[in-house]
Protein backbone atom coordinates (compact mmCIF):
# COMPACT_ATOMS: atom_id res chain seq x y z
CA UNK A 1 110.38 81.19 74.79
CA UNK A 2 107.78 81.90 73.55
CA UNK A 3 105.61 82.72 76.78
CA UNK A 4 108.03 86.19 77.29
CA UNK A 5 107.28 87.13 74.00
CA UNK A 6 103.33 87.15 74.15
CA UNK A 7 104.17 88.42 78.22
CA UNK A 8 106.48 91.41 76.25
CA UNK A 9 103.45 93.25 74.49
CA UNK A 10 101.18 93.10 78.54
CA UNK A 11 104.74 94.39 79.91
CA UNK A 12 104.51 97.16 77.95
CA UNK A 13 101.67 98.56 78.13
CA UNK A 14 101.79 98.33 82.48
CA UNK A 15 105.39 99.59 82.05
CA UNK A 16 103.85 102.98 80.46
CA UNK A 17 101.06 102.98 82.23
CA UNK A 18 103.55 103.01 85.55
CA UNK A 19 104.99 106.55 83.60
CA UNK A 20 101.96 107.36 83.85
CA UNK A 21 101.42 107.15 87.34
CA UNK A 22 104.95 108.84 88.08
CA UNK A 23 103.53 112.12 86.50
CA UNK A 24 101.41 112.49 88.35
CA UNK A 25 102.75 111.68 90.97
CA UNK A 26 105.61 114.43 90.69
CA UNK A 27 102.42 116.81 89.69
CA UNK A 28 101.39 116.19 93.01
CA UNK A 29 104.59 116.11 94.59
CA UNK A 30 105.55 119.25 92.81
CA UNK A 31 101.48 121.27 93.95
CA UNK A 32 102.58 119.81 97.54
CA UNK A 33 105.40 122.12 98.20
CA UNK A 34 104.00 125.34 96.20
CA UNK A 35 101.69 125.01 98.96
CA UNK A 36 103.66 123.54 101.73
CA UNK A 37 106.53 127.13 100.62
CA UNK A 38 102.60 128.77 100.72
CA UNK A 39 102.37 128.34 104.07
CA UNK A 40 105.69 128.41 105.55
CA UNK A 41 105.87 132.83 103.90
CA UNK A 42 102.24 132.51 104.70
CA UNK A 43 103.03 132.42 108.96
CA UNK A 44 106.77 134.19 108.94
CA UNK A 45 104.68 137.67 107.60
């Protein structure tokens, strides 16, 4: 049980890092969606 208590701060740091990565990926996806829309609209005109 003590081991779990010692690993909790490490798990918390990894969770924060994962959340930061998710935020970065979300920004990337939004940028790619905008680029796709721009390319689709450019070819239609």
